[in-house]
Amino acid sequence: MLRQEEEEYKRKAILDRQEREETERKKREEEAHSHVKRDPRKTIETFRSSSNLSGKICGVCHKDLFSSGMLVRVGGIDIYHIECFTCTQCKCMFDKVYWQYRGKPYCFEHYCVQQNLWCAACGNLIDTQVIQNAMGKTWHPHCFMCRYCKRPFGNSEHFVFEGKPYCSEHFGLVSGAMCAKCNGVIQPHEQVVQARF
């Protein structure tokens, strides 16, 4: 009798933990989707200097724009010498696009560094334009996978157990949620009924 009560207590604790984790996961997903994220990419327009720029100065070097060759227009308003408007970190010039972080221009690689885009799985910098946000962390899409079977999730559902992601097939296996009657794994989306004897 005592053994059955212990097993029932363990099952209940597991189910309670699963329910808490599922509630937290849903809350994080709602928070992630509730904020409109602005695209940090900004476009620039390259053009030749002309006489109508006489008296105007570059916002970086503060020299005359008229006597210069190529210029860039940023945000449709600000004009700079092409060699002045560069990545804040590495000073490389931009080709039509730059990324803005805290009002400063960056190349994509250094924007990623500024945003601290390190993959939660492999620890490498996420320097691609495709980023997977899940569980409050950032991942390479190919690194965000079931901890058990190693299959990437892509757009499919994932479940968290002890801070690690699992597919629905393996979540029940690792979480220990087993049916008392058939000994089968209880999947996260299945309804659980607790019987009292």
Protein backbone atom coordinates (compact mmCIF):
# COMPACT_ATOMS: atom_id res chain seq x y z
CA MET A 1 0.00 0.00 0.00
CA LEU A 2 2.81 2.39 0.92
CA ARG A 3 4.59 1.62 -2.39
CA GLN A 4 1.44 2.50 -4.38
CA GLU A 5 1.07 5.79 -2.51
CA GLU A 6 4.72 6.65 -3.22
CA GLU A 7 4.28 5.89 -6.92
CA GLU A 8 1.07 7.92 -7.03
CA TYR A 9 2.83 10.82 -5.30
CA LYS A 10 5.70 10.66 -7.83
CA ARG A 11 3.28 10.54 -10.77
CA LYS A 12 1.37 13.50 -9.38
CA ALA A 13 4.60 15.46 -8.87
CA ILE A 14 5.66 14.74 -12.45
CA LEU A 15 2.28 15.80 -13.82
CA ASP A 16 2.30 18.97 -11.71
CA ARG A 17 5.80 19.83 -12.97
CA GLN A 18 4.75 19.15 -16.58
CA GLU A 19 1.72 21.38 -16.16
CA ARG A 20 3.87 24.20 -14.70
CA GLU A 21 6.42 23.87 -17.51
CA GLU A 22 3.67 23.88 -20.15
CA THR A 23 2.08 26.98 -18.58
CA GLU A 24 5.46 28.74 -18.50
CA ARG A 25 6.16 27.73 -22.13
CA LYS A 26 2.80 29.13 -23.28
CA LYS A 27 3.38 32.34 -21.33
CA ARG A 28 6.83 32.82 -22.92
CA GLU A 29 5.41 32.18 -26.39
CA GLU A 30 2.62 34.69 -25.83
CA GLU A 31 5.12 37.28 -24.59
CA ALA A 32 7.38 36.65 -27.60
CA HIS A 33 4.51 37.12 -30.04
CA SER A 34 2.94 40.07 -28.22
CA HIS A 35 5.80 42.45 -28.99
CA VAL A 36 6.23 43.77 -32.50
CA LYS A 37 9.90 43.45 -33.33
CA ARG A 38 11.36 46.05 -35.62
CA ASP A 39 13.63 44.96 -38.42
CA PRO A 40 17.10 46.26 -37.50
CA ARG A 41 18.13 46.28 -41.19
CA LYS A 42 18.27 49.70 -42.75
CA THR A 43 18.81 50.53 -46.39
CA ILE A 44 21.16 53.12 -47.80
CA GLU A 45 21.14 54.86 -51.16
CA THR A 46 24.43 55.55 -52.95
CA PHE A 47 24.70 58.56 -55.31
CA ARG A 48 27.18 61.08 -56.76
CA SER A 49 27.73 64.47 -55.18
CA SER A 50 26.06 67.40 -56.92
CA SER A 51 26.03 71.18 -56.73
CA ASN A 52 22.77 71.26 -54.77
CA LEU A 53 24.74 69.89 -51.78
CA SER A 54 26.94 73.00 -51.61
CA GLY A 55 27.31 74.11 -48.00
CA LYS A 56 26.08 70.79 -46.56
CA ILE A 57 28.47 68.81 -44.39
CA CYS A 58 28.97 65.12 -43.60
CA GLY A 59 27.51 64.05 -40.23
CA VAL A 60 30.67 62.08 -39.38
CA CYS A 61 33.74 64.05 -40.57
CA HIS A 62 31.98 67.46 -40.77
CA LYS A 63 33.57 68.21 -44.16
CA ASP A 64 31.81 69.60 -47.23
CA LEU A 65 29.72 67.08 -49.22
CA PHE A 66 29.78 68.99 -52.52
CA SER A 67 33.44 68.36 -53.40
CA SER A 68 33.21 64.62 -52.69
CA GLY A 69 32.63 61.80 -55.15
CA MET A 70 30.22 59.15 -53.84
CA LEU A 71 27.79 59.76 -50.99
CA VAL A 72 25.22 57.70 -49.11
CA ARG A 73 21.75 58.74 -48.02
CA VAL A 74 20.59 57.07 -44.82
CA GLY A 75 16.93 56.90 -43.91
CA GLY A 76 16.11 59.11 -46.86
CA ILE A 77 17.42 62.17 -44.97
CA ASP A 78 20.97 62.06 -43.61
CA ILE A 79 23.85 62.24 -46.10
CA TYR A 80 27.43 61.09 -45.52
CA HIS A 81 30.62 60.49 -47.47
CA ILE A 82 30.56 56.83 -48.50
CA GLU A 83 33.87 56.26 -46.70
CA CYS A 84 32.57 57.90 -43.48
CA PHE A 85 29.38 55.90 -43.00
CA THR A 86 30.88 52.58 -41.86
CA CYS A 87 30.42 49.83 -39.29
CA THR A 88 30.91 51.21 -35.80
CA GLN A 89 33.13 48.28 -34.89
CA CYS A 90 35.19 47.16 -37.91
CA LYS A 91 34.83 50.29 -40.11
CA CYS A 92 33.81 48.30 -43.21
CA MET A 93 31.66 50.10 -45.77
CA PHE A 94 28.09 48.99 -46.41
CA ASP A 95 26.58 47.69 -49.63
CA LYS A 96 22.93 48.87 -49.64
CA VAL A 97 22.13 47.54 -46.14
CA TYR A 98 23.37 48.01 -42.59
CA TRP A 99 22.05 46.94 -39.19
CA GLN A 100 21.26 49.44 -36.50
CA TYR A 101 21.77 48.83 -32.80
CA ARG A 102 21.26 51.60 -30.23
CA GLY A 103 21.29 54.17 -33.00
CA LYS A 104 24.66 53.08 -34.42
CA PRO A 105 25.39 51.34 -37.74
CA TYR A 106 26.91 47.84 -37.81
CA CYS A 107 27.73 45.19 -40.39
CA PHE A 108 25.71 42.01 -39.85
CA GLU A 109 28.52 40.16 -38.04
CA HIS A 110 29.07 42.92 -35.50
CA TYR A 111 25.35 43.52 -35.10
CA CYS A 112 25.14 39.86 -34.01
CA VAL A 113 27.99 40.41 -31.56
CA GLN A 114 26.28 43.51 -30.14
CA GLN A 115 22.99 41.61 -29.76
CA ASN A 116 24.81 38.73 -28.06
CA LEU A 117 23.42 36.21 -30.53
CA TRP A 118 25.17 33.08 -29.32
CA CYS A 119 23.58 29.70 -29.93
CA ALA A 120 22.32 28.05 -26.72
CA ALA A 121 23.29 24.61 -28.06
CA CYS A 122 26.67 24.93 -29.80
CA GLY A 123 27.86 28.20 -28.25
CA ASN A 124 28.85 29.70 -31.61
CA LEU A 125 27.83 33.12 -32.92
CA ILE A 126 24.60 33.06 -34.90
CA ASP A 127 25.76 34.95 -37.95
CA THR A 128 23.01 33.90 -40.31
CA GLN A 129 19.84 35.85 -40.89
CA VAL A 130 17.71 32.93 -39.67
CA ILE A 131 17.48 32.74 -35.88
CA GLN A 132 15.35 30.41 -33.78
CA ASN A 133 14.03 31.99 -30.57
CA ALA A 134 12.72 29.46 -28.07
CA MET A 135 12.78 28.90 -24.35
CA GLY A 136 14.04 32.46 -23.85
CA LYS A 137 17.23 31.66 -25.79
CA THR A 138 18.57 31.98 -29.32
CA TRP A 139 19.58 28.99 -31.44
CA HIS A 140 20.79 28.09 -34.91
CA PRO A 141 17.74 26.46 -36.52
CA HIS A 142 19.74 23.23 -37.05
CA CYS A 143 20.86 23.23 -33.37
CA PHE A 144 17.37 23.56 -31.89
CA MET A 145 16.54 19.86 -31.67
CA CYS A 146 15.13 17.16 -29.44
CA ARG A 147 17.67 16.39 -26.75
CA TYR A 148 16.89 12.67 -27.09
CA CYS A 149 16.59 11.89 -30.82
CA LYS A 150 18.57 14.89 -32.13
CA ARG A 151 15.96 15.77 -34.81
CA PRO A 152 15.67 19.54 -35.40
CA PHE A 153 12.23 20.91 -34.53
CA GLY A 154 11.86 23.27 -37.47
CA ASN A 155 8.32 24.60 -37.04
CA SER A 156 7.09 21.60 -35.06
CA GLU A 157 6.08 21.62 -31.42
CA HIS A 158 8.60 21.11 -28.61
CA PHE A 159 8.22 20.41 -24.90
CA VAL A 160 10.55 21.33 -22.06
CA PHE A 161 11.63 18.96 -19.30
CA GLU A 162 14.27 20.04 -16.78
CA GLY A 163 15.21 22.97 -19.01
CA LYS A 164 15.84 20.88 -22.13
CA PRO A 165 13.72 20.63 -25.31
CA TYR A 166 12.11 17.35 -26.42
CA CYS A 167 9.81 16.29 -29.22
CA SER A 168 6.39 14.99 -28.21
CA GLU A 169 7.52 11.40 -28.83
CA HIS A 170 10.39 11.57 -26.35
CA PHE A 171 9.03 14.05 -23.81
CA GLY A 172 6.91 11.38 -22.10
CA LEU A 173 9.79 8.94 -22.16
CA VAL A 174 12.25 11.22 -20.36
CA SER A 175 9.73 12.85 -18.04
CA GLY A 176 8.57 9.48 -16.76
CA ALA A 177 4.88 10.17 -17.31
CA MET A 178 3.61 6.60 -17.64
CA CYS A 179 0.06 5.26 -17.66
CA ALA A 180 -0.71 3.19 -14.56
CA LYS A 181 -2.88 0.78 -16.56
CA CYS A 182 -1.02 0.10 -19.83
CA ASN A 183 2.50 1.34 -18.86
CA GLY A 184 2.53 3.42 -22.07
CA VAL A 185 4.11 6.85 -22.27
CA ILE A 186 1.69 9.72 -21.67
CA GLN A 187 2.26 12.28 -24.40
CA PRO A 188 2.15 15.98 -23.45
CA HIS A 189 -1.00 16.64 -25.48
CA GLU A 190 -2.92 13.68 -24.01
CA GLN A 191 -5.48 14.22 -21.29
CA VAL A 192 -4.51 12.77 -17.92
CA VAL A 193 -7.12 11.31 -15.62
CA GLN A 194 -6.21 10.53 -12.03
CA ALA A 195 -8.18 7.68 -10.53
CA ARG A 196 -8.69 7.22 -6.81
CA PHE A 197 -8.97 3.78 -5.34
